[in-house]
């Protein structure tokens, strides 16, 4: 049986370390001083997947600066919403997040990143 990708955008492996210092909800609920380091595992045009030792709540948002290539001009700022969480072991959680309000004009960043990954993989 052939595998069919169900995701709306292909996930790409990435090596990023981010920090979450504040979480918020649209109803002005804010959690400050979170200090949660996160290890981003993959990224797509729709969101990111990451691991963290911090137990972060679902349906909360955080601000992120994401730079997927060495080019400083390819960094973008976005709001990320935590939509999925599972516990991997006693101290590590896996998260799935989606970008909120990601402007399509920034798709060129992912085009460049996909091209670089394809070259590394010899495609």
PDB file of N, CA and C in Angstrom:
ATOM      1  N   UNK A   1       0.839  -1.176   0.000  1.00  0.00           N
ATOM      2  CA  UNK A   1       0.000   0.000   0.000  1.00  0.00           C
ATOM      3  C   UNK A   1       0.895   1.253   0.000  1.00  0.00           C
ATOM      4  N   UNK A   2       0.602   2.155  -0.879  1.00  0.00           N
ATOM      5  CA  UNK A   2       1.412   3.359  -1.013  1.00  0.00           C
ATOM      6  C   UNK A   2       1.058   4.370   0.078  1.00  0.00           C
ATOM      7  N   UNK A   3       2.088   4.977   0.665  1.00  0.00           N
ATOM      8  CA  UNK A   3       1.902   5.998   1.694  1.00  0.00           C
ATOM      9  C   UNK A   3       1.494   7.303   1.036  1.00  0.00           C
ATOM     10  N   UNK A   4       0.467   7.938   1.573  1.00  0.00           N
ATOM     11  CA  UNK A   4       0.026   9.230   1.063  1.00  0.00           C
ATOM     12  C   UNK A   4       0.147  10.269   2.162  1.00  0.00           C
ATOM     13  N   UNK A   5       0.881  11.331   1.884  1.00  0.00           N
ATOM     14  CA  UNK A   5       1.057  12.432   2.835  1.00  0.00           C
ATOM     15  C   UNK A   5      -0.285  13.120   3.049  1.00  0.00           C
ATOM     16  N   UNK A   6      -0.694  13.242   4.296  1.00  0.00           N
ATOM     17  CA  UNK A   6      -1.966  13.886   4.626  1.00  0.00           C
ATOM     18  C   UNK A   6      -1.781  15.339   5.025  1.00  0.00           C
ATOM     19  N   UNK A   7      -0.569  15.736   5.270  1.00  0.00           N
ATOM     20  CA  UNK A   7      -0.318  17.105   5.702  1.00  0.00           C
ATOM     21  C   UNK A   7      -0.470  18.060   4.531  1.00  0.00           C
ATOM     22  N   UNK A   8      -0.831  19.294   4.855  1.00  0.00           N
ATOM     23  CA  UNK A   8      -1.028  20.308   3.826  1.00  0.00           C
ATOM     24  C   UNK A   8       0.291  20.866   3.316  1.00  0.00           C
ATOM     25  N   UNK A   9       1.366  20.675   4.077  1.00  0.00           N
ATOM     26  CA  UNK A   9       2.686  21.153   3.662  1.00  0.00           C
ATOM     27  C   UNK A   9       3.734  20.157   4.132  1.00  0.00           C
ATOM     28  N   UNK A  10       4.726  19.908   3.273  1.00  0.00           N
ATOM     29  CA  UNK A  10       5.777  18.949   3.599  1.00  0.00           C
ATOM     30  C   UNK A  10       6.615  19.438   4.777  1.00  0.00           C
ATOM     31  N   UNK A  11       6.892  18.515   5.712  1.00  0.00           N
ATOM     32  CA  UNK A  11       7.776  18.844   6.831  1.00  0.00           C
ATOM     33  C   UNK A  11       9.220  18.684   6.386  1.00  0.00           C
ATOM     34  N   UNK A  12      10.030  19.638   6.804  1.00  0.00           N
ATOM     35  CA  UNK A  12      11.445  19.610   6.468  1.00  0.00           C
ATOM     36  C   UNK A  12      12.258  19.550   7.747  1.00  0.00           C
ATOM     37  N   UNK A  13      13.289  18.704   7.782  1.00  0.00           N
ATOM     38  CA  UNK A  13      14.117  18.641   8.991  1.00  0.00           C
ATOM     39  C   UNK A  13      14.880  19.947   9.170  1.00  0.00           C
ATOM     40  N   UNK A  14      15.011  20.361  10.417  1.00  0.00           N
ATOM     41  CA  UNK A  14      15.699  21.617  10.694  1.00  0.00           C
ATOM     42  C   UNK A  14      16.357  21.503  12.057  1.00  0.00           C
ATOM     43  N   UNK A  15      17.444  22.213  12.240  1.00  0.00           N
ATOM     44  CA  UNK A  15      18.159  22.213  13.512  1.00  0.00           C
ATOM     45  C   UNK A  15      18.110  23.626  14.079  1.00  0.00           C
ATOM     46  N   UNK A  16      17.106  23.900  14.899  1.00  0.00           N
ATOM     47  CA  UNK A  16      16.919  25.219  15.491  1.00  0.00           C
ATOM     48  C   UNK A  16      16.704  25.075  16.989  1.00  0.00           C
ATOM     49  N   UNK A  17      17.222  26.007  17.732  1.00  0.00           N
ATOM     50  CA  UNK A  17      16.931  26.084  19.157  1.00  0.00           C
ATOM     51  C   UNK A  17      16.243  27.422  19.389  1.00  0.00           C
ATOM     52  N   UNK A  18      15.058  27.385  19.982  1.00  0.00           N
ATOM     53  CA  UNK A  18      14.312  28.597  20.290  1.00  0.00           C
ATOM     54  C   UNK A  18      14.044  28.644  21.784  1.00  0.00           C
ATOM     55  N   UNK A  19      13.661  29.784  22.246  1.00  0.00           N
ATOM     56  CA  UNK A  19      13.268  29.925  23.646  1.00  0.00           C
ATOM     57  C   UNK A  19      11.904  30.569  23.735  1.00  0.00           C
ATOM     58  N   UNK A  20      11.069  30.038  24.577  1.00  0.00           N
ATOM     59  CA  UNK A  20       9.752  30.615  24.802  1.00  0.00           C
ATOM     60  C   UNK A  20       9.800  31.299  26.155  1.00  0.00           C
ATOM     61  N   UNK A  21       9.567  32.592  26.170  1.00  0.00           N
ATOM     62  CA  UNK A  21       9.611  33.318  27.437  1.00  0.00           C
ATOM     63  C   UNK A  21       8.219  33.720  27.914  1.00  0.00           C
ATOM     64  N   UNK A  22       7.259  33.769  26.974  1.00  0.00           N
ATOM     65  CA  UNK A  22       5.915  34.201  27.351  1.00  0.00           C
ATOM     66  C   UNK A  22       4.893  33.522  26.446  1.00  0.00           C
ATOM     67  N   UNK A  23       3.806  33.058  27.037  1.00  0.00           N
ATOM     68  CA  UNK A  23       2.697  32.462  26.299  1.00  0.00           C
ATOM     69  C   UNK A  23       1.474  33.338  26.481  1.00  0.00           C
ATOM     70  N   UNK A  24       0.610  33.362  25.475  1.00  0.00           N
ATOM     71  CA  UNK A  24      -0.596  34.173  25.614  1.00  0.00           C
ATOM     72  C   UNK A  24      -1.753  33.536  24.862  1.00  0.00           C
ATOM     73  N   UNK A  25      -2.961  33.942  25.229  1.00  0.00           N
ATOM     74  CA  UNK A  25      -4.188  33.543  24.554  1.00  0.00           C
ATOM     75  C   UNK A  25      -4.866  34.798  24.043  1.00  0.00           C
ATOM     76  N   UNK A  26      -5.801  34.630  23.156  1.00  0.00           N
ATOM     77  CA  UNK A  26      -6.466  35.788  22.572  1.00  0.00           C
ATOM     78  C   UNK A  26      -7.329  36.544  23.573  1.00  0.00           C
ATOM     79  N   UNK A  27      -7.704  35.910  24.652  1.00  0.00           N
ATOM     80  CA  UNK A  27      -8.525  36.597  25.655  1.00  0.00           C
ATOM     81  C   UNK A  27      -7.665  37.325  26.688  1.00  0.00           C
ATOM     82  N   UNK A  28      -6.448  37.690  26.280  1.00  0.00           N
ATOM     83  CA  UNK A  28      -5.497  38.438  27.109  1.00  0.00           C
ATOM     84  C   UNK A  28      -4.964  37.668  28.307  1.00  0.00           C
ATOM     85  N   UNK A  29      -5.111  36.362  28.327  1.00  0.00           N
ATOM     86  CA  UNK A  29      -4.483  35.539  29.368  1.00  0.00           C
ATOM     87  C   UNK A  29      -3.012  35.382  29.003  1.00  0.00           C
ATOM     88  N   UNK A  30      -2.124  35.720  29.928  1.00  0.00           N
ATOM     89  CA  UNK A  30      -0.683  35.695  29.658  1.00  0.00           C
ATOM     90  C   UNK A  30       0.026  34.882  30.738  1.00  0.00           C
ATOM     91  N   UNK A  31       0.971  34.064  30.303  1.00  0.00           N
ATOM     92  CA  UNK A  31       1.841  33.336  31.227  1.00  0.00           C
ATOM     93  C   UNK A  31       3.242  33.865  30.979  1.00  0.00           C
ATOM     94  N   UNK A  32       3.805  34.572  31.956  1.00  0.00           N
ATOM     95  CA  UNK A  32       5.131  35.189  31.810  1.00  0.00           C
ATOM     96  C   UNK A  32       6.210  34.321  32.449  1.00  0.00           C
ATOM     97  N   UNK A  33       7.452  34.631  32.134  1.00  0.00           N
ATOM     98  CA  UNK A  33       8.628  33.956  32.690  1.00  0.00           C
ATOM     99  C   UNK A  33       8.585  32.444  32.502  1.00  0.00           C
ATOM    100  N   UNK A  34       8.204  32.022  31.317  1.00  0.00           N
ATOM    101  CA  UNK A  34       8.124  30.589  31.013  1.00  0.00           C
ATOM    102  C   UNK A  34       9.524  29.989  30.937  1.00  0.00           C
ATOM    103  N   UNK A  35      10.445  30.670  30.269  1.00  0.00           N
ATOM    104  CA  UNK A  35      11.830  30.210  30.124  1.00  0.00           C
ATOM    105  C   UNK A  35      11.922  28.759  29.683  1.00  0.00           C
ATOM    106  N   UNK A  36      11.257  28.451  28.575  1.00  0.00           N
ATOM    107  CA  UNK A  36      11.232  27.090  28.053  1.00  0.00           C
ATOM    108  C   UNK A  36      12.099  26.986  26.809  1.00  0.00           C
ATOM    109  N   UNK A  37      13.269  26.349  26.917  1.00  0.00           N
ATOM    110  CA  UNK A  37      14.044  26.098  25.703  1.00  0.00           C
ATOM    111  C   UNK A  37      13.353  24.999  24.894  1.00  0.00           C
ATOM    112  N   UNK A  38      13.318  25.186  23.574  1.00  0.00           N
ATOM    113  CA  UNK A  38      12.704  24.177  22.718  1.00  0.00           C
ATOM    114  C   UNK A  38      13.665  23.807  21.605  1.00  0.00           C
ATOM    115  N   UNK A  39      13.622  22.553  21.196  1.00  0.00           N
ATOM    116  CA  UNK A  39      14.440  22.048  20.100  1.00  0.00           C
ATOM    117  C   UNK A  39      13.505  21.781  18.927  1.00  0.00           C
ATOM    118  N   UNK A  40      13.601  22.608  17.899  1.00  0.00           N
ATOM    119  CA  UNK A  40      12.745  22.462  16.729  1.00  0.00           C
ATOM    120  C   UNK A  40      13.254  21.287  15.904  1.00  0.00           C
ATOM    121  N   UNK A  41      12.354  20.360  15.581  1.00  0.00           N
ATOM    122  CA  UNK A  41      12.717  19.162  14.828  1.00  0.00           C
ATOM    123  C   UNK A  41      12.420  19.292  13.352  1.00  0.00           C
ATOM    124  N   UNK A  42      11.277  19.902  13.041  1.00  0.00           N
ATOM    125  CA  UNK A  42      10.913  20.067  11.642  1.00  0.00           C
ATOM    126  C   UNK A  42      10.060  21.314  11.481  1.00  0.00           C
ATOM    127  N   UNK A  43       9.989  21.751  10.235  1.00  0.00           N
ATOM    128  CA  UNK A  43       9.271  22.979   9.920  1.00  0.00           C
ATOM    129  C   UNK A  43       8.587  22.789   8.576  1.00  0.00           C
ATOM    130  N   UNK A  44       7.468  23.433   8.409  1.00  0.00           N
ATOM    131  CA  UNK A  44       6.781  23.456   7.119  1.00  0.00           C
ATOM    132  C   UNK A  44       6.220  24.853   6.918  1.00  0.00           C
ATOM    133  N   UNK A  45       5.586  25.048   5.804  1.00  0.00           N
ATOM    134  CA  UNK A  45       4.966  26.341   5.546  1.00  0.00           C
ATOM    135  C   UNK A  45       3.811  26.611   6.511  1.00  0.00           C
ATOM    136  N   UNK A  46       3.352  25.586   7.192  1.00  0.00           N
ATOM    137  CA  UNK A  46       2.192  25.718   8.071  1.00  0.00           C
ATOM    138  C   UNK A  46       2.544  25.769   9.551  1.00  0.00           C
ATOM    139  N   UNK A  47       3.743  25.265   9.937  1.00  0.00           N
ATOM    140  CA  UNK A  47       4.076  25.270  11.357  1.00  0.00           C
ATOM    141  C   UNK A  47       5.378  24.573  11.675  1.00  0.00           C
ATOM    142  N   UNK A  48       5.566  24.267  12.981  1.00  0.00           N
ATOM    143  CA  UNK A  48       6.786  23.616  13.451  1.00  0.00           C
ATOM    144  C   UNK A  48       6.438  22.462  14.390  1.00  0.00           C
ATOM    145  N   UNK A  49       7.365  21.529  14.484  1.00  0.00           N
ATOM    146  CA  UNK A  49       7.305  20.465  15.474  1.00  0.00           C
ATOM    147  C   UNK A  49       8.523  20.600  16.361  1.00  0.00           C
ATOM    148  N   UNK A  50       8.342  20.467  17.672  1.00  0.00           N
ATOM    149  CA  UNK A  50       9.492  20.616  18.567  1.00  0.00           C
ATOM    150  C   UNK A  50       9.357  19.763  19.810  1.00  0.00           C
ATOM    151  N   UNK A  51      10.479  19.592  20.498  1.00  0.00           N
ATOM    152  CA  UNK A  51      10.538  18.915  21.797  1.00  0.00           C
ATOM    153  C   UNK A  51      10.930  19.937  22.857  1.00  0.00           C
ATOM    154  N   UNK A  52      10.432  19.730  24.071  1.00  0.00           N
ATOM    155  CA  UNK A  52      10.809  20.579  25.193  1.00  0.00           C
ATOM    156  C   UNK A  52      10.610  19.803  26.482  1.00  0.00           C
ATOM    157  N   UNK A  53      11.396  20.158  27.485  1.00  0.00           N
ATOM    158  CA  UNK A  53      11.208  19.579  28.813  1.00  0.00           C
ATOM    159  C   UNK A  53      10.151  20.355  29.592  1.00  0.00           C
ATOM    160  N   UNK A  54       9.673  21.450  29.031  1.00  0.00           N
ATOM    161  CA  UNK A  54       8.633  22.251  29.676  1.00  0.00           C
ATOM    162  C   UNK A  54       7.256  21.744  29.276  1.00  0.00           C
ATOM    163  N   UNK A  55       6.348  21.693  30.246  1.00  0.00           N
ATOM    164  CA  UNK A  55       4.971  21.275  30.007  1.00  0.00           C
ATOM    165  C   UNK A  55       4.157  22.523  29.647  1.00  0.00           C
ATOM    166  N   UNK A  56       4.044  22.787  28.345  1.00  0.00           N
ATOM    167  CA  UNK A  56       3.369  23.979  27.858  1.00  0.00           C
ATOM    168  C   UNK A  56       1.892  23.680  27.579  1.00  0.00           C
ATOM    169  N   UNK A  57       1.004  24.637  27.820  1.00  0.00           N
ATOM    170  CA  UNK A  57      -0.426  24.391  27.613  1.00  0.00           C
ATOM    171  C   UNK A  57      -0.829  24.483  26.139  1.00  0.00           C
ATOM    172  N   UNK A  58      -1.815  23.670  25.781  1.00  0.00           N
ATOM    173  CA  UNK A  58      -2.377  23.704  24.433  1.00  0.00           C
ATOM    174  C   UNK A  58      -3.170  24.986  24.214  1.00  0.00           C
ATOM    175  N   UNK A  59      -3.313  25.332  22.947  1.00  0.00           N
ATOM    176  CA  UNK A  59      -4.122  26.487  22.526  1.00  0.00           C
ATOM    177  C   UNK A  59      -3.556  27.824  22.971  1.00  0.00           C
ATOM    178  N   UNK A  60      -2.299  27.862  23.411  1.00  0.00           N
ATOM    179  CA  UNK A  60      -1.629  29.115  23.733  1.00  0.00           C
ATOM    180  C   UNK A  60      -0.711  29.480  22.568  1.00  0.00           C
ATOM    181  N   UNK A  61      -0.330  30.731  22.494  1.00  0.00           N
ATOM    182  CA  UNK A  61       0.492  31.275  21.423  1.00  0.00           C
ATOM    183  C   UNK A  61       1.817  31.779  21.989  1.00  0.00           C
ATOM    184  N   UNK A  62       2.830  31.853  21.107  1.00  0.00           N
ATOM    185  CA  UNK A  62       4.065  32.545  21.468  1.00  0.00           C
ATOM    186  C   UNK A  62       4.654  33.186  20.224  1.00  0.00           C
ATOM    187  N   UNK A  63       5.465  34.208  20.431  1.00  0.00           N
ATOM    188  CA  UNK A  63       6.150  34.901  19.339  1.00  0.00           C
ATOM    189  C   UNK A  63       7.464  34.184  19.066  1.00  0.00           C
ATOM    190  N   UNK A  64       7.809  34.064  17.783  1.00  0.00           N
ATOM    191  CA  UNK A  64       9.051  33.373  17.417  1.00  0.00           C
ATOM    192  C   UNK A  64       9.767  34.124  16.298  1.00  0.00           C
ATOM    193  N   UNK A  65      11.075  34.049  16.334  1.00  0.00           N
ATOM    194  CA  UNK A  65      11.908  34.513  15.229  1.00  0.00           C
ATOM    195  C   UNK A  65      12.538  33.260  14.646  1.00  0.00           C
ATOM    196  N   UNK A  66      12.265  32.991  13.387  1.00  0.00           N
ATOM    197  CA  UNK A  66      12.718  31.757  12.770  1.00  0.00           C
ATOM    198  C   UNK A  66      13.642  32.086  11.608  1.00  0.00           C
ATOM    199  N   UNK A  67      14.804  31.441  11.622  1.00  0.00           N
ATOM    200  CA  UNK A  67      15.787  31.616  10.559  1.00  0.00           C
ATOM    201  C   UNK A  67      16.195  30.227  10.105  1.00  0.00           C
ATOM    202  N   UNK A  68      15.760  29.823   8.902  1.00  0.00           N
ATOM    203  CA  UNK A  68      16.002  28.460   8.438  1.00  0.00           C
ATOM    204  C   UNK A  68      17.256  28.304   7.594  1.00  0.00           C
ATOM    205  N   UNK A  69      17.857  29.409   7.173  1.00  0.00           N
ATOM    206  CA  UNK A  69      19.100  29.326   6.392  1.00  0.00           C
ATOM    207  C   UNK A  69      20.141  30.249   7.022  1.00  0.00           C
ATOM    208  N   UNK A  70      21.338  30.231   6.467  1.00  0.00           N
ATOM    209  CA  UNK A  70      22.407  31.099   6.960  1.00  0.00           C
ATOM    210  C   UNK A  70      22.185  32.561   6.587  1.00  0.00           C
ATOM    211  N   UNK A  71      21.322  32.790   5.628  1.00  0.00           N
ATOM    212  CA  UNK A  71      21.043  34.150   5.169  1.00  0.00           C
ATOM    213  C   UNK A  71      20.206  34.889   6.212  1.00  0.00           C
ATOM    214  N   UNK A  72      20.778  35.939   6.786  1.00  0.00           N
ATOM    215  CA  UNK A  72      20.083  36.699   7.824  1.00  0.00           C
ATOM    216  C   UNK A  72      18.784  37.308   7.314  1.00  0.00           C
ATOM    217  N   UNK A  73      18.675  37.524   6.007  1.00  0.00           N
ATOM    218  CA  UNK A  73      17.470  38.109   5.431  1.00  0.00           C
ATOM    219  C   UNK A  73      16.338  37.088   5.312  1.00  0.00           C
ATOM    220  N   UNK A  74      16.634  35.823   5.568  1.00  0.00           N
ATOM    221  CA  UNK A  74      15.593  34.795   5.467  1.00  0.00           C
ATOM    222  C   UNK A  74      14.907  34.547   6.803  1.00  0.00           C
ATOM    223  N   UNK A  75      15.226  35.342   7.797  1.00  0.00           N
ATOM    224  CA  UNK A  75      14.558  35.207   9.099  1.00  0.00           C
ATOM    225  C   UNK A  75      13.195  35.874   9.025  1.00  0.00           C
ATOM    226  N   UNK A  76      12.253  35.313   9.761  1.00  0.00           N
ATOM    227  CA  UNK A  76      10.940  35.938   9.827  1.00  0.00           C
ATOM    228  C   UNK A  76      10.403  35.829  11.246  1.00  0.00           C
ATOM    229  N   UNK A  77       9.575  36.762  11.576  1.00  0.00           N
ATOM    230  CA  UNK A  77       8.922  36.787  12.883  1.00  0.00           C
ATOM    231  C   UNK A  77       7.494  36.316  12.684  1.00  0.00           C
ATOM    232  N   UNK A  78       7.016  35.504  13.634  1.00  0.00           N
ATOM    233  CA  UNK A  78       5.671  34.983  13.487  1.00  0.00           C
ATOM    234  C   UNK A  78       5.073  34.671  14.856  1.00  0.00           C
ATOM    235  N   UNK A  79       3.782  34.430  14.835  1.00  0.00           N
ATOM    236  CA  UNK A  79       3.083  33.955  16.012  1.00  0.00           C
ATOM    237  C   UNK A  79       2.810  32.472  15.788  1.00  0.00           C
ATOM    238  N   UNK A  80       3.070  31.667  16.812  1.00  0.00           N
ATOM    239  CA  UNK A  80       2.930  30.223  16.728  1.00  0.00           C
ATOM    240  C   UNK A  80       1.896  29.772  17.764  1.00  0.00           C
ATOM    241  N   UNK A  81       0.979  28.907  17.348  1.00  0.00           N
ATOM    242  CA  UNK A  81      -0.057  28.380  18.246  1.00  0.00           C
ATOM    243  C   UNK A  81       0.220  26.908  18.522  1.00  0.00           C
ATOM    244  N   UNK A  82       0.226  26.526  19.798  1.00  0.00           N
ATOM    245  CA  UNK A  82       0.445  25.126  20.195  1.00  0.00           C
ATOM    246  C   UNK A  82      -0.871  24.366  19.995  1.00  0.00           C
ATOM    247  N   UNK A  83      -0.869  23.385  19.100  1.00  0.00           N
ATOM    248  CA  UNK A  83      -2.103  22.660  18.772  1.00  0.00           C
ATOM    249  C   UNK A  83      -2.063  21.177  19.135  1.00  0.00           C
ATOM    250  N   UNK A  84      -0.871  20.626  19.383  1.00  0.00           N
ATOM    251  CA  UNK A  84      -0.757  19.204  19.718  1.00  0.00           C
ATOM    252  C   UNK A  84       0.349  19.019  20.734  1.00  0.00           C
ATOM    253  N   UNK A  85       0.129  18.091  21.678  1.00  0.00           N
ATOM    254  CA  UNK A  85       1.151  17.793  22.689  1.00  0.00           C
ATOM    255  C   UNK A  85       1.066  16.319  23.061  1.00  0.00           C
ATOM    256  N   UNK A  86       2.229  15.688  23.209  1.00  0.00           N
ATOM    257  CA  UNK A  86       2.283  14.321  23.724  1.00  0.00           C
ATOM    258  C   UNK A  86       3.546  14.190  24.566  1.00  0.00           C
ATOM    259  N   UNK A  87       3.488  13.306  25.549  1.00  0.00           N
ATOM    260  CA  UNK A  87       4.639  13.109  26.425  1.00  0.00           C
ATOM    261  C   UNK A  87       5.466  11.955  25.884  1.00  0.00           C
ATOM    262  N   UNK A  88       6.760  12.209  25.683  1.00  0.00           N
ATOM    263  CA  UNK A  88       7.667  11.205  25.126  1.00  0.00           C
ATOM    264  C   UNK A  88       8.222  10.311  26.218  1.00  0.00           C
ATOM    265  N   UNK A  89       8.667  10.931  27.304  1.00  0.00           N
ATOM    266  CA  UNK A  89       9.191  10.196  28.453  1.00  0.00           C
ATOM    267  C   UNK A  89       8.905  11.017  29.708  1.00  0.00           C
ATOM    268  N   UNK A  90       9.547  10.671  30.807  1.00  0.00           N
ATOM    269  CA  UNK A  90       9.258  11.339  32.083  1.00  0.00           C
ATOM    270  C   UNK A  90       9.465  12.842  32.055  1.00  0.00           C
ATOM    271  N   UNK A  91      10.380  13.315  31.215  1.00  0.00           N
ATOM    272  CA  UNK A  91      10.680  14.741  31.258  1.00  0.00           C
ATOM    273  C   UNK A  91      10.628  15.464  29.914  1.00  0.00           C
ATOM    274  N   UNK A  92      10.206  14.797  28.837  1.00  0.00           N
ATOM    275  CA  UNK A  92      10.208  15.426  27.521  1.00  0.00           C
ATOM    276  C   UNK A  92       8.835  15.352  26.869  1.00  0.00           C
ATOM    277  N   UNK A  93       8.430  16.482  26.286  1.00  0.00           N
ATOM    278  CA  UNK A  93       7.162  16.575  25.580  1.00  0.00           C
ATOM    279  C   UNK A  93       7.426  16.864  24.106  1.00  0.00           C
ATOM    280  N   UNK A  94       6.545  16.375  23.247  1.00  0.00           N
ATOM    281  CA  UNK A  94       6.590  16.656  21.820  1.00  0.00           C
ATOM    282  C   UNK A  94       5.407  17.561  21.490  1.00  0.00           C
ATOM    283  N   UNK A  95       5.637  18.589  20.672  1.00  0.00           N
ATOM    284  CA  UNK A  95       4.602  19.561  20.347  1.00  0.00           C
ATOM    285  C   UNK A  95       4.468  19.736  18.846  1.00  0.00           C
ATOM    286  N   UNK A  96       3.258  20.034  18.440  1.00  0.00           N
ATOM    287  CA  UNK A  96       2.971  20.437  17.075  1.00  0.00           C
ATOM    288  C   UNK A  96       2.339  21.812  17.133  1.00  0.00           C
ATOM    289  N   UNK A  97       2.835  22.707  16.315  1.00  0.00           N
ATOM    290  CA  UNK A  97       2.348  24.090  16.332  1.00  0.00           C
ATOM    291  C   UNK A  97       2.072  24.562  14.921  1.00  0.00           C
ATOM    292  N   UNK A  98       1.160  25.520  14.818  1.00  0.00           N
ATOM    293  CA  UNK A  98       0.884  26.106  13.520  1.00  0.00           C
ATOM    294  C   UNK A  98       1.203  27.593  13.538  1.00  0.00           C
ATOM    295  N   UNK A  99       1.649  28.084  12.376  1.00  0.00           N
ATOM    296  CA  UNK A  99       1.877  29.509  12.240  1.00  0.00           C
ATOM    297  C   UNK A  99       0.516  30.193  12.138  1.00  0.00           C
ATOM    298  N   UNK A 100       0.396  31.327  12.794  1.00  0.00           N
ATOM    299  CA  UNK A 100      -0.842  32.097  12.755  1.00  0.00           C
ATOM    300  C   UNK A 100      -0.585  33.356  11.932  1.00  0.00           C
ATOM    301  N   UNK A 101      -1.354  33.559  10.900  1.00  0.00           N
ATOM    302  CA  UNK A 101      -1.216  34.750  10.082  1.00  0.00           C
ATOM    303  C   UNK A 101       0.063  34.798   9.281  1.00  0.00           C
ATOM    304  N   UNK A 102       0.575  33.648   8.860  1.00  0.00           N
ATOM    305  CA  UNK A 102       1.808  33.612   8.067  1.00  0.00           C
ATOM    306  C   UNK A 102       1.510  34.152   6.668  1.00  0.00           C
ATOM    307  N   UNK A 103       2.152  35.245   6.282  1.00  0.00           N
ATOM    308  CA  UNK A 103       1.854  35.841   4.980  1.00  0.00           C
ATOM    309  C   UNK A 103       2.459  35.030   3.833  1.00  0.00           C
ATOM    310  N   UNK A 104       1.685  34.719   2.797  1.00  0.00           N
ATOM    311  CA  UNK A 104       2.197  33.946   1.655  1.00  0.00           C
ATOM    312  C   UNK A 104       3.395  34.593   0.972  1.00  0.00           C
ATOM    313  N   UNK A 105       3.558  35.893   1.114  1.00  0.00           N
ATOM    314  CA  UNK A 105       4.689  36.571   0.487  1.00  0.00           C
ATOM    315  C   UNK A 105       6.023  36.026   1.012  1.00  0.00           C
ATOM    316  N   UNK A 106       6.016  35.388   2.187  1.00  0.00           N
ATOM    317  CA  UNK A 106       7.244  34.822   2.756  1.00  0.00           C
ATOM    318  C   UNK A 106       7.515  33.384   2.307  1.00  0.00           C
ATOM    319  N   UNK A 107       6.695  32.856   1.411  1.00  0.00           N
ATOM    320  CA  UNK A 107       6.906  31.489   0.937  1.00  0.00           C
ATOM    321  C   UNK A 107       8.263  31.293   0.272  1.00  0.00           C
ATOM    322  N   UNK A 108       8.863  32.366  -0.242  1.00  0.00           N
ATOM    323  CA  UNK A 108      10.176  32.246  -0.880  1.00  0.00           C
ATOM    324  C   UNK A 108      11.217  31.696   0.099  1.00  0.00           C
ATOM    325  N   UNK A 109      11.045  31.960   1.384  1.00  0.00           N
ATOM    326  CA  UNK A 109      11.981  31.438   2.387  1.00  0.00           C
ATOM    327  C   UNK A 109      11.953  29.915   2.371  1.00  0.00           C
ATOM    328  N   UNK A 110      10.749  29.347   2.314  1.00  0.00           N
ATOM    329  CA  UNK A 110      10.629  27.894   2.289  1.00  0.00           C
ATOM    330  C   UNK A 110      11.061  27.324   0.936  1.00  0.00           C
ATOM    331  N   UNK A 111      10.828  28.047  -0.149  1.00  0.00           N
ATOM    332  CA  UNK A 111      11.304  27.593  -1.459  1.00  0.00           C
ATOM    333  C   UNK A 111      12.816  27.429  -1.440  1.00  0.00           C
ATOM    334  N   UNK A 112      13.522  28.436  -0.915  1.00  0.00           N
ATOM    335  CA  UNK A 112      14.988  28.380  -0.824  1.00  0.00           C
ATOM    336  C   UNK A 112      15.439  27.241   0.085  1.00  0.00           C
ATOM    337  N   UNK A 113      14.775  27.080   1.221  1.00  0.00           N
ATOM    338  CA  UNK A 113      15.137  26.044   2.181  1.00  0.00           C
ATOM    339  C   UNK A 113      14.921  24.653   1.586  1.00  0.00           C
ATOM    340  N   UNK A 114      13.789  24.442   0.907  1.00  0.00           N
ATOM    341  CA  UNK A 114      13.509  23.155   0.269  1.00  0.00           C
ATOM    342  C   UNK A 114      14.559  22.836  -0.794  1.00  0.00           C
ATOM    343  N   UNK A 115      14.965  23.846  -1.534  1.00  0.00           N
ATOM    344  CA  UNK A 115      15.982  23.655  -2.567  1.00  0.00           C
ATOM    345  C   UNK A 115      17.320  23.241  -1.951  1.00  0.00           C
ATOM    346  N   UNK A 116      17.706  23.866  -0.851  1.00  0.00           N
ATOM    347  CA  UNK A 116      18.965  23.517  -0.182  1.00  0.00           C
ATOM    348  C   UNK A 116      18.924  22.092   0.372  1.00  0.00           C
ATOM    349  N   UNK A 117      17.802  21.694   0.927  1.00  0.00           N
ATOM    350  CA  UNK A 117      17.668  20.328   1.460  1.00  0.00           C
ATOM    351  C   UNK A 117      17.727  19.317   0.322  1.00  0.00           C
ATOM    352  N   UNK A 118      17.052  19.609  -0.780  1.00  0.00           N
ATOM    353  CA  UNK A 118      17.063  18.707  -1.932  1.00  0.00           C
ATOM    354  C   UNK A 118      18.501  18.517  -2.446  1.00  0.00           C
ATOM    355  N   UNK A 119      19.281  19.596  -2.496  1.00  0.00           N
ATOM    356  CA  UNK A 119      20.686  19.492  -2.946  1.00  0.00           C
ATOM    357  C   UNK A 119      21.501  18.626  -2.002  1.00  0.00           C
ATOM    358  N   UNK A 120      21.272  18.785  -0.677  1.00  0.00           N
ATOM    359  CA  UNK A 120      21.999  17.974   0.293  1.00  0.00           C
ATOM    360  C   UNK A 120      21.674  16.503   0.145  1.00  0.00           C
ATOM    361  N   UNK A 121      20.428  16.211  -0.208  1.00  0.00           N
ATOM    362  CA  UNK A 121      19.983  14.814  -0.336  1.00  0.00           C
ATOM    363  C   UNK A 121      20.246  14.258  -1.731  1.00  0.00           C
ATOM    364  N   UNK A 122      20.811  15.100  -2.613  1.00  0.00           N
ATOM    365  CA  UNK A 122      21.151  14.637  -3.958  1.00  0.00           C
ATOM    366  C   UNK A 122      19.960  14.471  -4.875  1.00  0.00           C
ATOM    367  N   UNK A 123      18.925  15.237  -4.650  1.00  0.00           N
ATOM    368  CA  UNK A 123      17.725  15.150  -5.497  1.00  0.00           C
ATOM    369  C   UNK A 123      17.770  16.158  -6.600  1.00  0.00           C
TER     370      UNK A 123
END
